Amino acid sequence: MRRSSAQGTVLPDPVVQEPPARAAPGRARRRLEREGGAEAAARRAGELTRASCEVSTTSREAAESLAELRGAIGDIAQCTTQASSITGDAVRDAQAVDERIAALQGATDAISEIVRLLAAISQQSRFLALNAYVEAARAGEVGRGFAVVADEVKQLAERTARAAGDIGAQVEAVHRETRSAVDVVSRITTTLGSIAAAQDTVAAAVEQQRAATDRVVDSVERAAGGSARITEAVAALAQEQRETYVRRALAIAEDLLEEAGGVSLGEGRRRVSVRDQVTGAVREVDLPDLLLGGVPLTRDDDPRRPAPLVDEVVALVGGSCTLFQRLDGDGGMVRATTTVRTAQGRRNVGTAIPPRDADGSPHPVLAAVLAGRTYTGEATVADRPFFTAYEGLHSTDGELVGMLYVGLPLDALPG
């Protein structure tokens, strides 16, 4: 590990000394040119992702609309079936009424026959009474009692005839009403039969429509499922492209860092004010100098003055860049130089990522870096969504001394 020349002493705040300017960093520039095709492919993947999302959304909405239509047709089919059932019941009831009226008509016909029989008997009784009266007159005084009986038989026959006539008139009236009722019920039965036939036709048509709708819904649902799978696959591809893109930007930053001479810790130390970005707590920490190309970095938050390395990285790849220094002991990382701005427009120097989040769980970035892995993922930087990459920085003897961050705005990336 390279050390500063001031052995065992605290160096005063140095004036910013920039590494020699490079018009076109060789390896970083070549990497940009070589991987330009990857950026174009990533953007095409993003366009495909958006198109697939639109297709998936449209298919899903169509499936939902057709599902609603299928439900409505099912309700109509159910109502039609119920109406057909009710109409069938009405037809059967009308037929039963028709049968009863027919039976009533048969009964009145039988009564008419009895009335005709009574009328005939009455007529015969009158004839017999008349004959008996004639014979009693011939017998004189001896046949007087017989004449009285004959007269009574005659009167009874006349009353029977009148009663039979009245019954006949009533039965004829019942006959007329029965015939009228038979005609009405017959017409009702015919009408209900027509309605039932129409209901059956409608029910069959609705059932066919429901079957056709079911087939369409199934097809659209399969299409929506396929579109969703395509969207997921394209989204995964876009995610891979974003990760590739940010890793490329990180590799360019590492190339620039290597060309600048790398980072190391000096033996000089300084007091640094560190603010925990999770809790907001501020503390004073004694840290060794962080050297870039052997030159101590100043922790300058004035955006009007150029910041070594990070400004050059952003000029090449865009987004934002930060060089972190590891805090002694607890494994946290403090921003030593950065292009990220605070709400007041200053460089966000001096804020630290603690080893644990507010809920006590390990911070995912530091957990990955401390384990020797590169962290990539989405994060909010200065109230804007970024896709980020963090890589640990080691001294020549393998000690983790800090980490390098590169972030690219999500709205500038594919997908």
Protein backbone atom coordinates (compact mmCIF):
# COMPACT_ATOMS: atom_id res chain seq x y z
CA MET A 1 0.00 0.00 0.00
CA ARG A 2 1.39 3.39 -0.97
CA ARG A 3 1.99 5.79 1.93
CA SER A 4 2.36 9.53 2.08
CA SER A 5 5.79 10.98 2.69
CA ALA A 6 4.69 12.54 5.96
CA GLN A 7 5.42 9.66 8.36
CA GLY A 8 3.37 9.79 11.56
CA THR A 9 2.23 13.39 11.10
CA VAL A 10 -1.14 14.87 10.23
CA LEU A 11 -1.05 16.51 6.83
CA PRO A 12 -2.62 19.95 6.50
CA ASP A 13 -5.56 20.34 4.12
CA PRO A 14 -3.88 20.25 0.72
CA VAL A 15 -4.77 22.28 -2.29
CA VAL A 16 -6.62 20.22 -4.88
CA GLN A 17 -4.11 18.75 -7.27
CA GLU A 18 -5.68 17.33 -10.36
CA PRO A 19 -4.12 14.46 -12.22
CA PRO A 20 -2.89 15.53 -15.63
CA ALA A 21 -5.81 16.12 -17.96
CA ARG A 22 -6.37 13.52 -20.64
CA ALA A 23 -8.18 14.61 -23.78
CA ALA A 24 -9.34 11.07 -24.58
CA PRO A 25 -8.57 8.33 -22.03
CA GLY A 26 -7.35 5.45 -24.13
CA ARG A 27 -8.83 2.29 -22.67
CA ALA A 28 -12.02 3.97 -21.43
CA ARG A 29 -12.62 5.59 -24.82
CA ARG A 30 -12.01 2.32 -26.67
CA ARG A 31 -14.44 0.56 -24.33
CA LEU A 32 -17.11 3.15 -25.10
CA GLU A 33 -16.63 2.71 -28.84
CA ARG A 34 -16.53 -1.09 -28.60
CA GLU A 35 -19.70 -1.32 -26.52
CA GLY A 36 -21.74 1.26 -28.41
CA GLY A 37 -23.64 -1.58 -30.08
CA ALA A 38 -24.66 -2.93 -26.68
CA GLU A 39 -26.21 0.43 -25.84
CA ALA A 40 -28.18 0.43 -29.09
CA ALA A 41 -29.34 -3.13 -28.42
CA ALA A 42 -30.34 -2.15 -24.90
CA ARG A 43 -32.43 0.72 -26.20
CA ARG A 44 -34.10 -1.55 -28.75
CA ALA A 45 -34.84 -4.00 -25.92
CA GLY A 46 -36.41 -1.13 -24.00
CA GLU A 47 -38.65 -0.26 -26.94
CA LEU A 48 -39.62 -3.93 -27.25
CA THR A 49 -40.39 -4.03 -23.53
CA ARG A 50 -42.71 -1.06 -23.78
CA ALA A 51 -44.44 -2.51 -26.86
CA SER A 52 -44.85 -5.89 -25.15
CA CYS A 53 -46.27 -4.20 -22.06
CA GLU A 54 -48.82 -2.40 -24.22
CA VAL A 55 -49.80 -5.66 -25.96
CA SER A 56 -50.02 -7.46 -22.62
CA THR A 57 -52.15 -4.70 -21.12
CA THR A 58 -54.45 -4.62 -24.15
CA SER A 59 -54.83 -8.41 -24.12
CA ARG A 60 -55.55 -8.41 -20.41
CA GLU A 61 -58.18 -5.69 -20.78
CA ALA A 62 -59.77 -7.57 -23.70
CA ALA A 63 -59.84 -10.76 -21.64
CA GLU A 64 -61.46 -8.91 -18.74
CA SER A 65 -64.08 -7.35 -21.04
CA LEU A 66 -64.87 -10.69 -22.65
CA ALA A 67 -65.07 -12.32 -19.23
CA GLU A 68 -67.65 -9.70 -18.25
CA LEU A 69 -69.52 -10.39 -21.51
CA ARG A 70 -69.42 -14.11 -20.78
CA GLY A 71 -70.88 -13.46 -17.34
CA ALA A 72 -73.63 -11.28 -18.82
CA ILE A 73 -74.49 -13.93 -21.41
CA GLY A 74 -74.56 -16.52 -18.64
CA ASP A 75 -77.04 -14.38 -16.72
CA ILE A 76 -79.18 -13.98 -19.85
CA ALA A 77 -79.05 -17.73 -20.46
CA GLN A 78 -80.11 -18.39 -16.88
CA CYS A 79 -82.99 -15.92 -17.12
CA THR A 80 -84.05 -17.38 -20.47
CA THR A 81 -83.99 -20.88 -19.02
CA GLN A 82 -86.11 -19.73 -16.09
CA ALA A 83 -88.54 -18.00 -18.46
CA SER A 84 -88.78 -21.16 -20.57
CA SER A 85 -89.47 -23.18 -17.45
CA ILE A 86 -92.19 -20.78 -16.31
CA THR A 87 -93.73 -20.73 -19.78
CA GLY A 88 -93.69 -24.53 -19.85
CA ASP A 89 -95.46 -24.61 -16.50
CA ALA A 90 -98.05 -22.17 -17.83
CA VAL A 91 -98.60 -24.34 -20.92
CA ARG A 92 -99.09 -27.41 -18.76
CA ASP A 93 -101.49 -25.52 -16.48
CA ALA A 94 -103.47 -24.31 -19.49
CA GLN A 95 -103.62 -27.85 -20.82
CA ALA A 96 -104.88 -29.06 -17.43
CA VAL A 97 -107.57 -26.36 -17.43
CA ASP A 98 -108.49 -27.37 -20.95
CA GLU A 99 -108.87 -30.98 -19.82
CA ARG A 100 -111.06 -29.95 -16.88
CA ILE A 101 -113.26 -27.79 -19.09
CA ALA A 102 -113.57 -30.70 -21.50
CA ALA A 103 -114.62 -32.89 -18.58
CA LEU A 104 -117.14 -30.21 -17.54
CA GLN A 105 -118.47 -30.10 -21.05
CA GLY A 106 -118.89 -33.87 -20.95
CA ALA A 107 -120.77 -33.58 -17.65
CA THR A 108 -123.12 -30.92 -19.04
CA ASP A 109 -123.77 -33.11 -22.05
CA ALA A 110 -124.76 -35.93 -19.68
CA ILE A 111 -127.05 -33.55 -17.77
CA SER A 112 -128.63 -32.48 -21.04
CA GLU A 113 -129.42 -36.10 -21.80
CA ILE A 114 -131.06 -36.50 -18.38
CA VAL A 115 -133.06 -33.29 -18.94
CA ARG A 116 -134.26 -34.61 -22.27
CA LEU A 117 -135.22 -37.87 -20.58
CA LEU A 118 -137.20 -35.96 -17.91
CA ALA A 119 -138.92 -33.93 -20.59
CA ALA A 120 -139.92 -37.12 -22.37
CA ILE A 121 -141.20 -38.67 -19.14
CA SER A 122 -143.17 -35.50 -18.37
CA GLN A 123 -144.72 -35.58 -21.81
CA GLN A 124 -145.71 -39.21 -21.38
CA SER A 125 -147.13 -38.43 -17.90
CA ARG A 126 -149.36 -35.70 -19.37
CA PHE A 127 -150.63 -38.10 -22.00
CA LEU A 128 -151.35 -40.73 -19.33
CA ALA A 129 -153.11 -38.16 -17.10
CA LEU A 130 -155.22 -37.00 -20.04
CA ASN A 131 -156.21 -40.56 -20.87
CA ALA A 132 -156.98 -41.26 -17.19
CA TYR A 133 -159.13 -38.14 -17.03
CA VAL A 134 -161.09 -39.20 -20.12
CA GLU A 135 -161.65 -42.68 -18.71
CA ALA A 136 -162.76 -41.24 -15.32
CA ALA A 137 -165.33 -39.06 -17.11
CA ARG A 138 -166.78 -42.10 -18.81
CA ALA A 139 -167.03 -43.93 -15.51
CA GLY A 140 -169.17 -41.16 -14.05
CA GLU A 141 -169.53 -40.94 -10.33
CA VAL A 142 -167.48 -44.09 -9.78
CA GLY A 143 -164.43 -42.61 -11.54
CA ARG A 144 -164.48 -39.26 -9.71
CA GLY A 145 -161.64 -40.22 -7.32
CA PHE A 146 -159.62 -41.57 -10.19
CA ALA A 147 -160.10 -38.22 -11.97
CA VAL A 148 -158.69 -36.37 -8.97
CA VAL A 149 -155.56 -38.55 -9.07
CA ALA A 150 -155.27 -38.05 -12.82
CA ASP A 151 -155.45 -34.30 -12.33
CA GLU A 152 -152.65 -34.38 -9.77
CA VAL A 153 -150.51 -36.50 -12.11
CA LYS A 154 -151.14 -33.96 -14.83
CA GLN A 155 -150.07 -31.05 -12.59
CA LEU A 156 -146.95 -32.97 -11.51
CA ALA A 157 -146.07 -33.66 -15.11
CA GLU A 158 -146.46 -29.97 -15.96
CA ARG A 159 -144.22 -28.92 -13.05
CA THR A 160 -141.68 -31.53 -14.10
CA ALA A 161 -141.77 -30.21 -17.63
CA ARG A 162 -141.25 -26.62 -16.44
CA ALA A 163 -138.33 -27.72 -14.19
CA ALA A 164 -136.81 -29.69 -17.01
CA GLY A 165 -137.14 -26.63 -19.24
CA ASP A 166 -135.41 -24.43 -16.66
CA ILE A 167 -132.64 -26.99 -16.22
CA GLY A 168 -132.27 -27.25 -19.96
CA ALA A 169 -131.93 -23.46 -20.26
CA GLN A 170 -129.28 -23.39 -17.53
CA VAL A 171 -127.43 -26.29 -19.06
CA GLU A 172 -127.49 -24.56 -22.45
CA ALA A 173 -126.04 -21.42 -20.86
CA VAL A 174 -123.32 -23.54 -19.24
CA HIS A 175 -122.72 -25.13 -22.63
CA ARG A 176 -122.27 -21.73 -24.26
CA GLU A 177 -119.87 -20.50 -21.56
CA THR A 178 -117.96 -23.78 -21.63
CA ARG A 179 -117.54 -23.58 -25.40
CA SER A 180 -116.34 -19.98 -25.03
CA ALA A 181 -113.90 -20.99 -22.27
CA VAL A 182 -112.66 -23.85 -24.40
CA ASP A 183 -111.96 -21.45 -27.26
CA VAL A 184 -110.15 -18.97 -24.96
CA VAL A 185 -108.06 -21.66 -23.29
CA SER A 186 -107.24 -23.13 -26.68
CA ARG A 187 -106.00 -19.76 -27.90
CA ILE A 188 -103.99 -19.27 -24.66
CA THR A 189 -102.48 -22.71 -25.02
CA THR A 190 -101.50 -21.98 -28.62
CA THR A 191 -99.98 -18.62 -27.64
CA LEU A 192 -98.07 -20.10 -24.73
CA GLY A 193 -96.82 -22.87 -26.98
CA SER A 194 -95.52 -20.27 -29.43
CA ILE A 195 -93.86 -18.36 -26.58
CA ALA A 196 -92.30 -21.55 -25.27
CA ALA A 197 -90.96 -22.40 -28.72
CA ALA A 198 -89.54 -18.87 -29.08
CA GLN A 199 -87.99 -19.10 -25.62
CA ASP A 200 -86.39 -22.41 -26.54
CA THR A 201 -85.00 -20.87 -29.72
CA VAL A 202 -83.62 -17.88 -27.79
CA ALA A 203 -82.14 -20.16 -25.14
CA ALA A 204 -80.44 -22.27 -27.79
CA ALA A 205 -79.06 -19.15 -29.50
CA VAL A 206 -77.82 -17.74 -26.19
CA GLU A 207 -76.19 -21.06 -25.34
CA GLN A 208 -74.44 -21.07 -28.72
CA GLN A 209 -73.33 -17.47 -28.14
CA ARG A 210 -72.03 -18.36 -24.70
CA ALA A 211 -70.08 -21.30 -26.11
CA ALA A 212 -68.60 -19.05 -28.81
CA THR A 213 -67.76 -16.39 -26.21
CA ASP A 214 -66.12 -19.02 -24.03
CA ARG A 215 -63.91 -20.05 -26.93
CA VAL A 216 -62.99 -16.42 -27.63
CA VAL A 217 -62.30 -15.77 -23.94
CA ASP A 218 -60.10 -18.85 -23.73
CA SER A 219 -58.20 -17.76 -26.82
CA VAL A 220 -57.74 -14.22 -25.53
CA GLU A 221 -56.68 -15.51 -22.10
CA ARG A 222 -54.11 -17.76 -23.73
CA ALA A 223 -52.93 -14.83 -25.84
CA ALA A 224 -52.78 -12.62 -22.75
CA GLY A 225 -50.82 -15.29 -20.90
CA GLY A 226 -48.41 -15.64 -23.80
CA SER A 227 -48.09 -11.88 -24.06
CA ALA A 228 -47.43 -11.67 -20.32
CA ARG A 229 -44.71 -14.29 -20.63
CA ILE A 230 -43.21 -12.37 -23.53
CA THR A 231 -43.37 -9.18 -21.49
CA GLU A 232 -41.67 -10.90 -18.55
CA ALA A 233 -38.98 -12.28 -20.83
CA VAL A 234 -38.42 -8.93 -22.50
CA ALA A 235 -38.42 -7.19 -19.10
CA ALA A 236 -35.82 -9.68 -17.90
CA LEU A 237 -33.81 -8.95 -21.03
CA ALA A 238 -34.14 -5.21 -20.41
CA GLN A 239 -33.02 -5.75 -16.81
CA GLU A 240 -30.00 -7.67 -18.05
CA GLN A 241 -29.31 -4.90 -20.55
CA ARG A 242 -29.55 -2.26 -17.81
CA GLU A 243 -27.19 -4.27 -15.65
CA THR A 244 -24.82 -4.71 -18.58
CA TYR A 245 -24.98 -1.00 -19.29
CA VAL A 246 -24.26 0.06 -15.70
CA ARG A 247 -21.48 -2.54 -15.37
CA ARG A 248 -19.95 -1.14 -18.53
CA ALA A 249 -20.12 2.36 -17.03
CA LEU A 250 -18.52 0.98 -13.85
CA ALA A 251 -15.77 -0.68 -15.91
CA ILE A 252 -15.09 2.63 -17.66
CA ALA A 253 -14.87 4.35 -14.27
CA GLU A 254 -12.43 1.66 -13.09
CA ASP A 255 -10.34 2.18 -16.25
CA LEU A 256 -10.20 5.91 -15.54
CA LEU A 257 -9.33 5.19 -11.90
CA GLU A 258 -6.51 2.89 -12.95
CA GLU A 259 -5.22 5.44 -15.46
CA ALA A 260 -5.30 8.04 -12.66
CA GLY A 261 -3.02 5.84 -10.56
CA GLY A 262 -5.59 4.07 -8.35
CA VAL A 263 -6.49 4.78 -4.73
CA SER A 264 -4.58 4.08 -1.54
CA LEU A 265 -4.43 5.28 2.06
CA GLY A 266 -1.81 7.75 3.21
CA GLU A 267 -0.28 7.76 6.68
CA GLY A 268 -1.50 11.26 7.39
CA ARG A 269 -4.87 11.55 9.14
CA ARG A 270 -7.55 14.20 9.41
CA ARG A 271 -10.77 14.88 11.29
CA VAL A 272 -13.82 14.41 9.08
CA SER A 273 -17.44 15.30 9.86
CA VAL A 274 -19.59 12.30 8.89
CA ARG A 275 -23.39 12.30 8.67
CA ASP A 276 -25.23 8.96 8.76
CA GLN A 277 -27.61 8.96 5.77
CA VAL A 278 -30.08 6.67 7.59
CA THR A 279 -30.32 8.30 11.02
CA GLY A 280 -29.01 11.78 10.15
CA ALA A 281 -26.63 11.64 13.13
CA VAL A 282 -23.39 13.62 12.72
CA ARG A 283 -20.08 12.59 14.29
CA GLU A 284 -16.42 13.50 13.99
CA VAL A 285 -14.20 10.69 12.70
CA ASP A 286 -10.40 10.48 12.45
CA LEU A 287 -9.56 9.00 9.01
CA PRO A 288 -6.37 8.40 7.04
CA ASP A 289 -5.90 10.44 3.88
CA LEU A 290 -7.44 8.89 0.76
CA LEU A 291 -4.92 9.17 -2.07
CA LEU A 292 -5.84 9.27 -5.77
CA GLY A 293 -2.73 8.61 -7.85
CA GLY A 294 -0.69 9.36 -4.75
CA VAL A 295 -2.35 12.77 -4.25
CA PRO A 296 -4.56 13.33 -1.16
CA LEU A 297 -8.19 14.04 -2.00
CA THR A 298 -9.79 17.11 -0.53
CA ARG A 299 -13.38 16.71 0.59
CA ASP A 300 -14.72 19.74 -1.25
CA ASP A 301 -18.49 20.17 -1.55
CA ASP A 302 -18.31 23.24 -3.83
CA PRO A 303 -19.73 22.18 -7.24
CA ARG A 304 -17.99 25.10 -8.94
CA ARG A 305 -14.61 23.44 -8.43
CA PRO A 306 -13.86 20.27 -10.39
CA ALA A 307 -13.77 16.98 -8.49
CA PRO A 308 -11.07 14.52 -9.50
CA LEU A 309 -12.11 11.32 -11.28
CA VAL A 310 -15.88 11.53 -10.66
CA ASP A 311 -16.44 14.52 -12.94
CA GLU A 312 -14.44 12.81 -15.68
CA VAL A 313 -16.48 9.61 -15.33
CA VAL A 314 -19.77 11.49 -15.60
CA ALA A 315 -18.49 13.40 -18.62
CA LEU A 316 -17.98 10.06 -20.39
CA VAL A 317 -20.92 7.91 -19.25
CA GLY A 318 -23.43 10.37 -17.76
CA GLY A 319 -25.39 9.78 -14.56
CA SER A 320 -23.53 10.21 -11.28
CA CYS A 321 -20.34 8.91 -9.70
CA THR A 322 -18.96 8.72 -6.15
CA LEU A 323 -15.68 7.64 -4.59
CA PHE A 324 -16.22 6.25 -1.07
CA GLN A 325 -13.73 5.77 1.75
CA ARG A 326 -14.20 3.01 4.28
CA LEU A 327 -14.78 4.09 7.86
CA ASP A 328 -12.49 2.44 10.39
CA GLY A 329 -13.99 -0.38 12.42
CA ASP A 330 -17.71 -0.44 11.62
CA GLY A 331 -17.53 -1.14 7.88
CA GLY A 332 -19.50 1.94 6.81
CA MET A 333 -18.56 3.96 3.74
CA VAL A 334 -18.34 7.76 3.57
CA ARG A 335 -18.46 9.81 0.37
CA ALA A 336 -15.04 11.34 -0.24
CA THR A 337 -15.84 12.95 -3.59
CA THR A 338 -19.02 12.84 -5.64
CA THR A 339 -21.12 14.40 -8.37
CA VAL A 340 -24.34 13.81 -6.38
CA ARG A 341 -25.83 17.09 -5.13
CA THR A 342 -27.69 17.87 -1.92
CA ALA A 343 -30.98 19.76 -1.83
CA GLN A 344 -28.89 22.90 -1.31
CA GLY A 345 -26.92 22.23 -4.50
CA ARG A 346 -23.67 21.22 -2.77
CA ARG A 347 -21.72 18.06 -3.47
CA ASN A 348 -22.94 15.36 -1.09
CA VAL A 349 -19.50 14.89 0.51
CA GLY A 350 -19.32 13.55 4.07
CA THR A 351 -22.54 11.49 4.10
CA ALA A 352 -22.04 7.85 4.98
CA ILE A 353 -23.77 4.56 4.22
CA PRO A 354 -24.03 2.67 7.53
CA PRO A 355 -23.56 -1.10 7.68
CA ARG A 356 -27.21 -1.56 8.75
CA ASP A 357 -30.51 -0.07 7.61
CA ALA A 358 -33.05 1.58 9.90
CA ASP A 359 -34.77 -1.78 10.54
CA GLY A 360 -31.50 -3.33 11.69
CA SER A 361 -31.01 -5.50 8.61
CA PRO A 362 -27.63 -5.45 6.82
CA HIS A 363 -27.39 -2.72 4.20
CA PRO A 364 -27.54 -4.59 0.85
CA VAL A 365 -24.85 -2.49 -0.82
CA LEU A 366 -22.30 -2.86 1.96
CA ALA A 367 -23.21 -6.51 2.50
CA ALA A 368 -22.35 -7.23 -1.13
CA VAL A 369 -19.18 -5.12 -1.22
CA LEU A 370 -17.85 -6.47 2.09
CA ALA A 371 -18.44 -9.98 0.73
CA GLY A 372 -16.34 -9.16 -2.34
CA ARG A 373 -19.26 -8.87 -4.78
CA THR A 374 -20.34 -6.11 -7.12
CA TYR A 375 -23.74 -4.72 -6.15
CA THR A 376 -26.21 -3.67 -8.85
CA GLY A 377 -29.78 -2.53 -8.41
CA GLU A 378 -32.26 0.32 -8.40
CA ALA A 379 -31.94 3.19 -5.95
CA THR A 380 -33.21 6.73 -5.48
CA VAL A 381 -30.44 9.29 -5.84
CA ALA A 382 -31.29 12.94 -5.21
CA ASP A 383 -35.02 12.12 -5.55
CA ARG A 384 -34.49 10.48 -8.95
CA PRO A 385 -34.58 6.73 -9.72
CA PHE A 386 -31.20 5.35 -10.79
CA PHE A 387 -29.79 1.97 -11.72
CA THR A 388 -26.59 1.69 -9.71
CA ALA A 389 -23.40 -0.32 -9.39
CA TYR A 390 -20.98 -0.44 -6.44
CA GLU A 391 -17.54 -2.06 -6.56
CA GLY A 392 -15.08 -2.42 -3.68
CA LEU A 393 -11.67 -0.74 -3.97
CA HIS A 394 -8.63 -2.47 -2.50
CA SER A 395 -5.08 -1.45 -1.73
CA THR A 396 -2.12 -3.29 -3.23
CA ASP A 397 -2.04 -5.62 -0.22
CA GLY A 398 -5.76 -6.51 -0.63
CA GLU A 399 -7.21 -4.28 2.08
CA LEU A 400 -10.70 -2.87 1.35
CA VAL A 401 -10.20 0.90 1.48
CA GLY A 402 -13.35 2.17 -0.21
CA MET A 403 -15.75 1.62 -3.06
CA LEU A 404 -16.61 3.14 -6.42
CA TYR A 405 -20.21 3.98 -7.33
CA VAL A 406 -21.71 4.68 -10.75
CA GLY A 407 -25.42 5.37 -11.25
CA LEU A 408 -27.40 5.88 -14.45
CA PRO A 409 -30.90 7.44 -14.51
CA LEU A 410 -33.56 4.80 -15.12
CA ASP A 411 -35.42 7.07 -17.52
CA ALA A 412 -32.29 7.16 -19.70
CA LEU A 413 -31.94 3.36 -19.74
CA PRO A 414 -33.85 0.73 -21.76
CA GLY A 415 -37.03 -0.76 -20.33
